[in-house]
Protein backbone atom coordinates (compact mmCIF):
# COMPACT_ATOMS: atom_id res chain seq x y z
CA UNK A 1 -7.65 70.94 -13.49
CA UNK A 2 -8.67 74.02 -16.18
CA UNK A 3 -10.47 73.54 -19.24
CA UNK A 4 -7.41 73.99 -21.67
CA UNK A 5 -5.42 71.42 -19.44
CA UNK A 6 -8.22 68.91 -19.53
CA UNK A 7 -8.44 69.24 -23.45
CA UNK A 8 -4.73 68.71 -23.54
CA UNK A 9 -4.76 65.61 -21.72
CA UNK A 10 -8.01 64.35 -23.81
CA UNK A 11 -6.11 65.22 -27.02
CA UNK A 12 -3.19 63.16 -26.04
CA UNK A 13 -5.38 60.32 -24.99
CA UNK A 14 -4.58 57.05 -26.49
CA UNK A 15 -8.20 55.82 -26.63
CA UNK A 16 -8.74 58.05 -29.65
CA UNK A 17 -9.54 56.91 -32.92
CA UNK A 18 -6.47 56.81 -35.30
CA UNK A 19 -6.15 57.79 -39.09
CA UNK A 20 -6.63 54.16 -40.16
CA UNK A 21 -9.94 53.90 -37.90
CA UNK A 22 -11.36 56.97 -39.73
CA UNK A 23 -10.03 55.54 -43.01
CA UNK A 24 -11.91 52.39 -42.46
CA UNK A 25 -15.07 54.00 -40.91
CA UNK A 26 -15.59 57.01 -43.36
CA UNK A 27 -14.41 55.80 -46.70
CA UNK A 28 -15.03 52.88 -48.92
CA UNK A 29 -12.47 50.44 -50.06
CA UNK A 30 -9.48 52.09 -48.48
CA UNK A 31 -6.18 50.72 -49.95
CA UNK A 32 -3.07 51.47 -48.18
CA UNK A 33 0.03 52.28 -50.22
CA UNK A 34 3.67 52.00 -48.64
CA UNK A 35 7.03 53.68 -48.90
CA UNK A 36 8.66 56.87 -50.04
CA UNK A 37 10.56 55.50 -53.11
CA UNK A 38 13.90 56.73 -51.61
CA UNK A 39 14.60 55.18 -48.20
CA UNK A 40 11.88 53.36 -46.28
CA UNK A 41 8.34 53.03 -45.32
CA UNK A 42 7.73 54.85 -42.07
CA UNK A 43 4.75 53.39 -40.01
CA UNK A 44 3.99 57.01 -38.32
CA UNK A 45 2.51 58.11 -41.80
CA UNK A 46 -0.16 56.08 -43.51
CA UNK A 47 -1.93 56.86 -46.72
CA UNK A 48 -3.56 55.45 -49.63
CA UNK A 49 -6.69 55.40 -52.10
CA UNK A 50 -10.48 55.37 -50.99
CA UNK A 51 -13.83 56.40 -52.37
CA UNK A 52 -16.03 58.97 -50.36
CA UNK A 53 -19.66 58.47 -51.49
CA UNK A 54 -18.38 57.31 -54.83
CA UNK A 55 -15.71 59.99 -55.28
CA UNK A 56 -12.07 58.92 -55.41
CA UNK A 57 -9.75 60.57 -52.98
CA UNK A 58 -6.52 60.15 -51.56
CA UNK A 59 -6.46 59.73 -47.50
CA UNK A 60 -3.07 60.43 -45.68
CA UNK A 61 -2.74 60.99 -41.99
CA UNK A 62 -0.13 60.43 -39.08
CA UNK A 63 -0.85 57.12 -37.30
CA UNK A 64 -0.36 56.61 -33.32
CA UNK A 65 -0.36 53.22 -32.00
CA UNK A 66 -2.99 51.95 -29.50
CA UNK A 67 -0.65 50.07 -27.11
CA UNK A 68 3.02 49.94 -26.47
CA UNK A 69 3.94 47.61 -29.23
CA UNK A 70 2.00 49.43 -31.67
CA UNK A 71 3.37 52.79 -30.68
CA UNK A 72 6.97 51.34 -31.22
CA UNK A 73 6.11 50.33 -34.47
CA UNK A 74 4.37 53.72 -35.23
CA UNK A 75 7.15 55.54 -33.38
CA UNK A 76 4.72 57.20 -31.18
CA UNK A 77 3.20 59.07 -34.34
CA UNK A 78 6.42 61.00 -34.74
CA UNK A 79 7.28 60.99 -38.51
CA UNK A 80 10.65 60.55 -39.73
CA UNK A 81 11.45 62.29 -43.00
CA UNK A 82 10.60 59.46 -45.27
CA UNK A 83 7.07 59.47 -43.62
CA UNK A 84 6.57 63.17 -45.11
CA UNK A 85 8.16 62.12 -48.31
CA UNK A 86 5.74 59.39 -48.47
CA UNK A 87 2.87 61.79 -47.96
CA UNK A 88 4.22 63.93 -50.66
CA UNK A 89 4.49 61.32 -53.13
CA UNK A 90 0.74 60.22 -52.47
CA UNK A 91 -0.28 64.04 -52.71
CA UNK A 92 1.60 64.39 -56.11
CA UNK A 93 0.16 61.11 -57.25
CA UNK A 94 -3.56 62.87 -56.26
CA UNK A 95 -2.81 65.77 -58.17
CA UNK A 96 -1.79 63.59 -61.26
CA UNK A 97 -5.12 61.80 -61.17
CA UNK A 98 -7.38 64.90 -59.95
CA UNK A 99 -8.13 63.26 -56.71
CA UNK A 100 -8.80 65.52 -53.53
CA UNK A 101 -6.63 64.82 -50.51
CA UNK A 102 -7.92 64.78 -46.93
CA UNK A 103 -5.33 64.47 -44.14
CA UNK A 104 -5.65 63.31 -40.37
CA UNK A 105 -3.20 64.65 -38.03
CA UNK A 106 -2.48 63.65 -34.47
CA UNK A 107 1.34 64.12 -33.71
CA UNK A 108 3.51 65.83 -30.98
CA UNK A 109 5.80 66.71 -33.80
CA UNK A 110 8.22 65.22 -36.16
CA UNK A 111 10.79 62.87 -34.59
CA UNK A 112 13.69 64.87 -33.49
CA UNK A 113 16.25 61.93 -33.71
CA UNK A 114 19.84 62.25 -35.22
CA UNK A 115 19.19 59.89 -38.03
CA UNK A 116 16.04 61.97 -39.00
CA UNK A 117 17.99 65.18 -39.05
CA UNK A 118 20.82 63.48 -41.18
CA UNK A 119 18.17 62.41 -43.44
CA UNK A 120 16.71 65.89 -44.13
CA UNK A 121 13.65 66.06 -41.59
CA UNK A 122 13.53 70.07 -42.03
CA UNK A 123 13.77 69.95 -45.78
CA UNK A 124 11.15 67.20 -46.14
CA UNK A 125 8.83 69.32 -43.78
CA UNK A 126 9.58 72.68 -45.89
CA UNK A 127 9.14 70.90 -49.26
CA UNK A 128 5.63 69.56 -48.15
CA UNK A 129 4.69 73.14 -46.91
CA UNK A 130 5.88 74.43 -50.42
CA UNK A 131 4.10 71.46 -52.48
CA UNK A 132 0.89 71.97 -50.59
CA UNK A 133 0.56 75.38 -50.95
CA UNK A 134 0.37 74.89 -54.81
CA UNK A 135 -1.13 71.45 -55.07
CA UNK A 136 -3.81 71.42 -57.83
CA UNK A 137 -6.19 69.71 -56.31
CA UNK A 138 -8.74 70.31 -53.17
CA UNK A 139 -7.19 69.67 -49.62
CA UNK A 140 -9.03 69.46 -46.35
CA UNK A 141 -7.06 68.60 -43.07
CA UNK A 142 -8.37 67.36 -39.76
CA UNK A 143 -6.88 67.63 -36.26
CA UNK A 144 -7.90 64.48 -34.58
CA UNK A 145 -5.73 64.71 -31.52
CA UNK A 146 -2.61 66.52 -31.00
CA UNK A 147 -1.44 69.01 -33.71
CA UNK A 148 2.14 69.84 -32.83
CA UNK A 149 4.62 72.01 -34.49
CA UNK A 150 6.03 71.61 -38.05
CA UNK A 151 5.15 67.85 -37.99
CA UNK A 152 1.41 68.83 -38.06
CA UNK A 153 1.71 71.74 -40.29
CA UNK A 154 3.58 69.61 -42.75
CA UNK A 155 -0.11 67.99 -43.48
CA UNK A 156 -2.21 71.07 -42.94
CA UNK A 157 -1.54 73.43 -45.64
CA UNK A 158 -4.98 72.74 -47.04
CA UNK A 159 -7.88 74.78 -48.32
CA UNK A 160 -9.98 73.89 -44.86
CA UNK A 161 -8.53 73.02 -41.61
CA UNK A 162 -10.92 71.41 -39.15
CA UNK A 163 -10.59 70.39 -35.53
CA UNK A 164 -12.21 67.87 -33.25
CA UNK A 165 -13.58 69.75 -30.40
CA UNK A 166 -11.28 68.36 -27.78
CA UNK A 167 -8.13 68.57 -29.60
CA UNK A 168 -4.98 70.96 -29.87
CA UNK A 169 -2.83 72.61 -32.56
CA UNK A 170 0.16 74.63 -31.66
CA UNK A 171 3.51 75.91 -32.73
CA UNK A 172 5.11 73.54 -30.30
CA UNK A 173 4.37 71.52 -27.22
CA UNK A 174 3.11 73.31 -23.93
CA UNK A 175 6.02 71.56 -22.26
CA UNK A 176 8.41 72.87 -24.77
CA UNK A 177 7.02 76.40 -24.54
CA UNK A 178 7.42 76.01 -20.50
CA UNK A 179 11.18 74.97 -20.99
CA UNK A 180 12.08 77.70 -23.21
CA UNK A 181 10.11 80.48 -21.51
CA UNK A 182 10.63 79.51 -17.74
CA UNK A 183 13.25 76.69 -18.15
CA UNK A 184 10.57 74.63 -16.13
CA UNK A 185 8.65 72.02 -18.08
CA UNK A 186 6.42 71.16 -15.21
CA UNK A 187 4.34 74.68 -16.13
CA UNK A 188 2.98 73.09 -19.00
CA UNK A 189 -0.54 73.45 -18.03
CA UNK A 190 0.29 77.25 -17.49
CA UNK A 191 1.85 77.52 -20.99
CA UNK A 192 -1.14 75.92 -22.26
CA UNK A 193 -3.34 78.69 -21.16
CA UNK A 194 -1.14 81.15 -22.82
CA UNK A 195 -0.73 79.54 -26.00
CA UNK A 196 -4.36 79.39 -27.27
CA UNK A 197 -4.36 75.93 -28.38
CA UNK A 198 -7.74 74.80 -28.32
CA UNK A 199 -10.40 74.35 -31.02
CA UNK A 200 -12.80 77.21 -29.85
CA UNK A 201 -9.63 79.59 -29.40
CA UNK A 202 -8.39 78.72 -32.89
CA UNK A 203 -11.77 79.03 -34.47
CA UNK A 204 -12.11 82.53 -32.84
CA UNK A 205 -8.88 83.59 -34.51
CA UNK A 206 -9.72 82.12 -37.93
CA UNK A 207 -6.78 79.61 -37.57
CA UNK A 208 -9.24 76.94 -38.23
CA UNK A 209 -12.33 76.99 -40.25
CA UNK A 210 -14.54 74.43 -38.52
CA UNK A 211 -14.82 72.48 -35.12
CA UNK A 212 -16.34 68.97 -34.93
CA UNK A 213 -18.18 68.35 -31.69
CA UNK A 214 -17.04 65.45 -29.67
CA UNK A 215 -19.22 63.21 -27.27
CA UNK A 216 -16.39 60.75 -26.16
CA UNK A 217 -13.65 59.26 -28.08
CA UNK A 218 -15.66 57.12 -30.38
CA UNK A 219 -19.21 58.16 -31.73
CA UNK A 220 -20.98 57.06 -34.79
CA UNK A 221 -22.28 60.58 -34.77
CA UNK A 222 -18.82 62.27 -34.92
CA UNK A 223 -18.07 59.74 -38.04
CA UNK A 224 -20.98 60.56 -39.43
CA UNK A 225 -20.60 64.42 -39.21
CA UNK A 226 -17.04 64.41 -40.47
CA UNK A 227 -18.17 62.23 -43.37
CA UNK A 228 -21.19 64.52 -44.35
CA UNK A 229 -18.94 67.72 -44.13
CA UNK A 230 -16.40 66.22 -46.19
CA UNK A 231 -18.70 65.28 -49.02
CA UNK A 232 -20.42 68.89 -48.62
CA UNK A 233 -16.98 70.69 -48.57
CA UNK A 234 -15.51 68.69 -51.43
CA UNK A 235 -18.72 69.42 -53.53
CA UNK A 236 -18.03 73.06 -53.00
CA UNK A 237 -14.28 73.08 -53.55
CA UNK A 238 -14.47 71.09 -56.52
CA UNK A 239 -16.59 73.58 -58.36
CA UNK A 240 -14.10 76.41 -58.06
CA UNK A 241 -11.81 77.29 -60.94
CA UNK A 242 -8.29 76.09 -60.05
CA UNK A 243 -6.99 79.54 -60.13
CA UNK A 244 -9.53 80.50 -57.38
CA UNK A 245 -8.86 77.42 -55.51
CA UNK A 246 -5.17 78.23 -55.26
CA UNK A 247 -5.55 81.88 -54.70
CA UNK A 248 -8.19 81.18 -51.74
CA UNK A 249 -5.34 78.94 -50.20
CA UNK A 250 -2.66 81.14 -50.50
CA UNK A 251 -4.66 84.02 -49.04
CA UNK A 252 -5.70 81.91 -46.28
CA UNK A 253 -2.17 81.32 -44.94
CA UNK A 254 -0.77 84.68 -46.03
CA UNK A 255 -3.19 86.42 -43.56
CA UNK A 256 -1.33 85.13 -40.30
């Protein structure tokens, strides 16, 4: 098995820590908030209020399950439009109260079902991209597993984008890439080699800003590294004038 194929397998491993795990391990007094105030509460997106070393923050992320029953509740980490609208509601609340936003991303992509499309899946993702690009608080996004397609990007228009070492971030799944290019989804490992989806490759291309080293799926060292980096980076971002913060974010994504 190639290194890229191994990383793809590890990125999708069900044993990885979830957003709620990180919310409990990194932050203090995490309080989850629910609902998009329009249609429903999507279990695939979780978010709420917390403290990071005494600083109030908003934490949002994709939530995958740890077993079949939990995955059914969480729709296997594939958000519906109401999930993205819940995330946006929490981001706008964070903006109102000047709280930095931290997102955790682990999804194969947004849910492609008929109901999701009828309720405006594409519009919900596009609105998040637009609103995050101009959100008037610091944003840090962390890929903690699989970062797939617009479903991941809808939470990743951030001032800083980080990845754990054995994760992936791509415009679509390698299976989808192989199906489109070669009409053969079984060639996904070959597609993954071509797509440059690993943390190291994306760091070299300046698509992401930092790679967090991993030693196993759960390690107190990983948690401490993320926490310390968040504290340090938010101190820096919070010192920037608002105009500079937004201009840097704009230029970060314009360069692609």
